[in-house]
Each structure stands twice: as C-alpha cells, then as structure tokens.
Amino acid sequence: MRLSTSTSTLVFLLLFPLITLGQPKVFSDGGTIQSVLFLAGDLVDIQCDSVFVLNKLTFRRYDSAYRDLRKKGTSISGLMSAYDEIITLQENRLREQTRNYEELRTQFSALTSETRERISDSSARLGSAVASMENLNRDLIETKKLLGEAKAIIEAEQRGLNLEKLLWGFGGVAVGIVVGVVISN
C-alpha cells in the first residue's frame, strides 16, 4: 500500500467512537490520538485547531497502514518508538508548562490581591493624613484669628495704659501748678 506525504499524517489522528443522543459531541485536544464516531445529523463542537474526518473505509485503510508500519522491521519500529517518545515528552512538557502557567496565574492573583489591599490601606492612611491636615489648617486659622484678637486687645490695653500715664502726667503737672501757686501765694 502506497501513502502520500500529505495523507500519511492522517495516521496520527484517528477518530474515537463517541455516541450521545441529542447533545453536541465535543471533540477537544486531550493531548492524545482520538477517534470519534459521528453519525449523520450529529452536532460536533470542535475545540482544537485541526480535525481530520475520515469515512469508515479510509479510516480502516489508514489504521491498517499504521499497524503494518508498526509491524515492519526494527528500524521502523525504533523510529516509531522514538516518535512516540517525542510525543510523550512533548505532552509531558506541555502539562508542565500548563502547571507552571497556573502557578504563575495563582501567584499573580495573590500579588494583585495584596497590591489592592496595600493600595486600599495606603488610601485610607492618606485620607486620614489629609483629614488631619485639614483639621490642623482649621486650627491654624483659628489660632491666627485668636492671635489677631489678642494683638488688638494688647494694643487697646497699651493705648489705655498710655492714656492713663498721660492723664497721671497731666494730673501731676496740674497738682504741681496748684502746689506752686499755693506756695507762691
């Protein structure tokens, strides 16, 4: 049996029987070769990047060609085993990368949560600091007002004392004049 290069790749993706009535049949990339049986009128939900559809006769031909290749000499068998190992290694690597990605996603989510908490805490502290500064500003304005009033009171007291001193001075001059007139008479 002679296989062309483009059709020989179909050997690796086989359709796995799956029979469900009335529901769409899901065909997803599970990392393995699958063969799925579809009947006329079945709904198919394809969740991978490529799917090969083969009729029964073609499937049997590719399946028998695949089995014949596996039964051939040790070199082909070794090549197929090496290919199977490569596929297994690639599947393992993909699982490992998926696990690493999920771990990174979990860590990123935790970091995002922690960052949001810190931002919230910082915002609360900043709000408290702003409120304290506003209170301090009001207190400073009130203190400035009270200092202005105290200054006005002190200036009024000072004027009152100056006026009192002036009156005592005029009183002393008047008494001196009166005493001087009395003594001189």
Protein backbone atom coordinates (compact mmCIF):
# COMPACT_ATOMS: atom_id res chain seq x y z
CA MET A 1 0.00 0.00 0.00
CA ARG A 2 1.47 3.38 -1.02
CA LEU A 3 0.80 6.50 1.13
CA SER A 4 1.47 10.05 0.03
CA THR A 5 3.19 12.50 2.39
CA SER A 6 0.13 14.67 2.90
CA THR A 7 -2.14 11.75 3.74
CA SER A 8 0.36 9.86 5.92
CA THR A 9 -0.10 12.49 8.63
CA LEU A 10 -3.69 11.41 8.99
CA VAL A 11 -2.46 8.20 10.63
CA PHE A 12 -1.72 10.09 13.85
CA LEU A 13 -5.18 11.49 14.38
CA LEU A 14 -7.85 8.83 14.47
CA LEU A 15 -11.50 9.23 15.31
CA PHE A 16 -12.60 7.55 18.61
CA PRO A 17 -16.22 6.36 18.93
CA LEU A 18 -18.43 8.64 20.99
CA ILE A 19 -22.18 8.19 20.85
CA THR A 20 -24.52 10.58 22.67
CA LEU A 21 -28.06 11.23 21.58
CA GLY A 22 -29.42 14.74 21.15
CA GLN A 23 -26.33 16.51 22.55
CA PRO A 24 -23.48 18.12 20.63
CA LYS A 25 -20.43 15.88 20.64
CA VAL A 26 -17.35 17.66 21.94
CA PHE A 27 -14.07 16.97 20.22
CA SER A 28 -11.20 18.56 22.14
CA ASP A 29 -7.46 18.23 22.10
CA GLY A 30 -6.78 15.96 25.03
CA GLY A 31 -3.14 15.52 24.04
CA THR A 32 -3.75 12.03 22.67
CA ILE A 33 -4.85 10.46 19.43
CA GLN A 34 -8.62 10.07 19.44
CA SER A 35 -11.16 8.52 17.17
CA VAL A 36 -14.77 9.55 17.48
CA LEU A 37 -17.75 8.04 15.69
CA PHE A 38 -20.19 10.58 14.30
CA LEU A 39 -23.47 9.73 12.66
CA ALA A 40 -25.38 11.74 10.09
CA GLY A 41 -27.09 14.73 11.72
CA ASP A 42 -24.80 14.78 14.80
CA LEU A 43 -23.74 18.18 16.10
CA VAL A 44 -19.98 18.43 16.68
CA ASP A 45 -18.26 21.02 18.88
CA ILE A 46 -14.59 21.12 17.76
CA GLN A 47 -12.37 22.59 20.48
CA CYS A 48 -8.93 22.12 18.93
CA ASP A 49 -7.05 23.59 15.99
CA SER A 50 -7.40 20.72 13.49
CA VAL A 51 -9.51 17.63 12.93
CA PHE A 52 -9.40 15.04 10.14
CA VAL A 53 -12.68 13.49 9.06
CA LEU A 54 -12.45 10.03 7.50
CA ASN A 55 -15.12 7.68 6.30
CA LYS A 56 -15.12 4.09 7.55
CA LEU A 57 -13.21 2.66 4.59
CA THR A 58 -10.50 5.33 4.65
CA PHE A 59 -10.15 5.01 8.42
CA ARG A 60 -9.62 1.25 8.11
CA ARG A 61 -7.00 1.76 5.40
CA TYR A 62 -5.04 4.28 7.49
CA ASP A 63 -5.42 2.14 10.59
CA SER A 64 -4.14 -0.98 8.79
CA ALA A 65 -1.28 1.02 7.22
CA TYR A 66 -0.34 2.31 10.68
CA ARG A 67 -0.43 -1.20 12.15
CA ASP A 68 1.62 -2.58 9.19
CA LEU A 69 4.24 0.12 9.74
CA ARG A 70 4.44 -0.81 13.43
CA LYS A 71 4.97 -4.49 12.50
CA LYS A 72 7.74 -3.74 9.95
CA GLY A 73 11.42 -4.11 10.76
CA THR A 74 13.29 -2.89 13.83
CA SER A 75 14.43 0.34 12.20
CA ILE A 76 10.88 1.46 11.52
CA SER A 77 9.83 0.14 14.90
CA GLY A 78 12.68 2.06 16.54
CA LEU A 79 11.74 5.16 14.58
CA MET A 80 8.10 4.82 15.61
CA SER A 81 9.14 4.25 19.24
CA ALA A 82 11.38 7.33 19.08
CA TYR A 83 8.49 9.29 17.60
CA ASP A 84 6.15 8.03 20.33
CA GLU A 85 8.73 9.05 22.97
CA ILE A 86 8.99 12.51 21.42
CA ILE A 87 5.21 12.83 21.53
CA THR A 88 5.17 11.68 25.16
CA LEU A 89 7.95 14.13 26.07
CA GLN A 90 6.12 16.94 24.32
CA GLU A 91 2.87 16.09 26.10
CA ASN A 92 4.71 15.99 29.45
CA ARG A 93 6.36 19.35 28.68
CA LEU A 94 3.00 20.85 27.76
CA ARG A 95 1.49 19.58 31.02
CA GLU A 96 4.45 21.01 32.95
CA GLN A 97 4.14 24.36 31.19
CA THR A 98 0.40 24.40 31.86
CA ARG A 99 1.05 23.67 35.54
CA ASN A 100 3.71 26.43 35.67
CA TYR A 101 1.33 28.82 33.97
CA GLU A 102 -1.39 28.04 36.51
CA GLU A 103 1.09 28.54 39.37
CA LEU A 104 2.11 31.90 37.89
CA ARG A 105 -1.53 32.85 37.49
CA THR A 106 -2.20 31.93 41.12
CA GLN A 107 0.83 33.93 42.27
CA PHE A 108 -0.18 36.87 40.11
CA SER A 109 -3.70 36.76 41.53
CA ALA A 110 -2.29 36.71 45.06
CA LEU A 111 0.04 39.58 44.21
CA THR A 112 -2.84 41.53 42.70
CA SER A 113 -4.91 40.93 45.84
CA GLU A 114 -2.08 42.01 48.10
CA THR A 115 -1.43 45.09 45.97
CA ARG A 116 -5.10 46.06 46.13
CA GLU A 117 -5.06 45.64 49.91
CA ARG A 118 -1.96 47.80 50.22
CA ILE A 119 -3.40 50.44 47.91
CA SER A 120 -6.60 50.42 49.96
CA ASP A 121 -4.62 50.69 53.20
CA SER A 122 -2.45 53.49 51.75
CA SER A 123 -5.55 55.31 50.50
CA ALA A 124 -7.12 55.07 53.97
CA ARG A 125 -3.92 56.37 55.59
CA LEU A 126 -3.65 59.14 53.02
CA GLY A 127 -7.29 60.07 53.64
CA SER A 128 -6.58 60.15 57.38
CA ALA A 129 -3.49 62.32 56.81
CA VAL A 130 -5.48 64.72 54.61
CA ALA A 131 -8.21 64.94 57.26
CA SER A 132 -5.56 65.64 59.93
CA MET A 133 -4.01 68.32 57.76
CA GLU A 134 -7.41 69.91 57.18
CA ASN A 135 -8.02 69.91 60.96
CA LEU A 136 -4.55 71.39 61.51
CA ASN A 137 -5.25 74.04 58.89
CA ARG A 138 -8.56 74.94 60.62
CA ASP A 139 -6.75 75.09 63.97
CA LEU A 140 -4.07 77.33 62.46
CA ILE A 141 -6.69 79.66 61.02
CA GLU A 142 -8.47 79.76 64.40
CA THR A 143 -5.15 80.38 66.19
CA LYS A 144 -4.30 83.18 63.73
CA LYS A 145 -7.71 84.70 64.37
CA LEU A 146 -7.23 84.43 68.16
CA LEU A 147 -3.73 85.93 67.87
CA GLY A 148 -5.18 88.84 65.89
CA GLU A 149 -7.80 89.37 68.57
CA ALA A 150 -5.15 89.13 71.34
CA LYS A 151 -2.98 91.65 69.48
CA ALA A 152 -5.92 94.03 69.18
CA ILE A 153 -6.66 93.62 72.92
CA ILE A 154 -2.99 94.19 73.80
CA GLU A 155 -2.85 97.30 71.59
CA ALA A 156 -6.06 98.62 73.19
CA GLU A 157 -4.62 97.91 76.66
CA GLN A 158 -1.39 99.63 75.66
CA ARG A 159 -3.32 102.68 74.45
CA GLY A 160 -5.30 102.61 77.68
CA LEU A 161 -2.08 102.48 79.74
CA ASN A 162 -0.51 105.26 77.67
CA LEU A 163 -3.64 107.36 78.16
CA GLU A 164 -3.57 106.62 81.90
CA LYS A 165 0.11 107.60 82.07
CA LEU A 166 -0.66 110.78 80.15
CA LEU A 167 -3.53 111.58 82.50
CA TRP A 168 -1.26 110.96 85.51
CA GLY A 169 1.30 113.24 83.90
CA PHE A 170 -1.30 115.96 83.31
CA GLY A 171 -2.60 115.39 86.83
CA GLY A 172 0.94 115.73 88.23
CA VAL A 173 1.51 118.91 86.25
CA ALA A 174 -1.83 120.28 87.42
CA VAL A 175 -1.06 119.36 91.04
CA GLY A 176 2.41 120.87 90.62
CA ILE A 177 0.91 124.07 89.28
CA VAL A 178 -1.64 124.19 92.05
CA VAL A 179 1.06 123.45 94.70
CA GLY A 180 3.32 126.03 93.09
CA VAL A 181 0.53 128.67 93.10
CA VAL A 182 -0.32 127.84 96.71
CA ILE A 183 3.27 128.05 97.80
CA SER A 184 3.93 131.20 95.88
CA ASN A 185 0.90 132.96 97.44
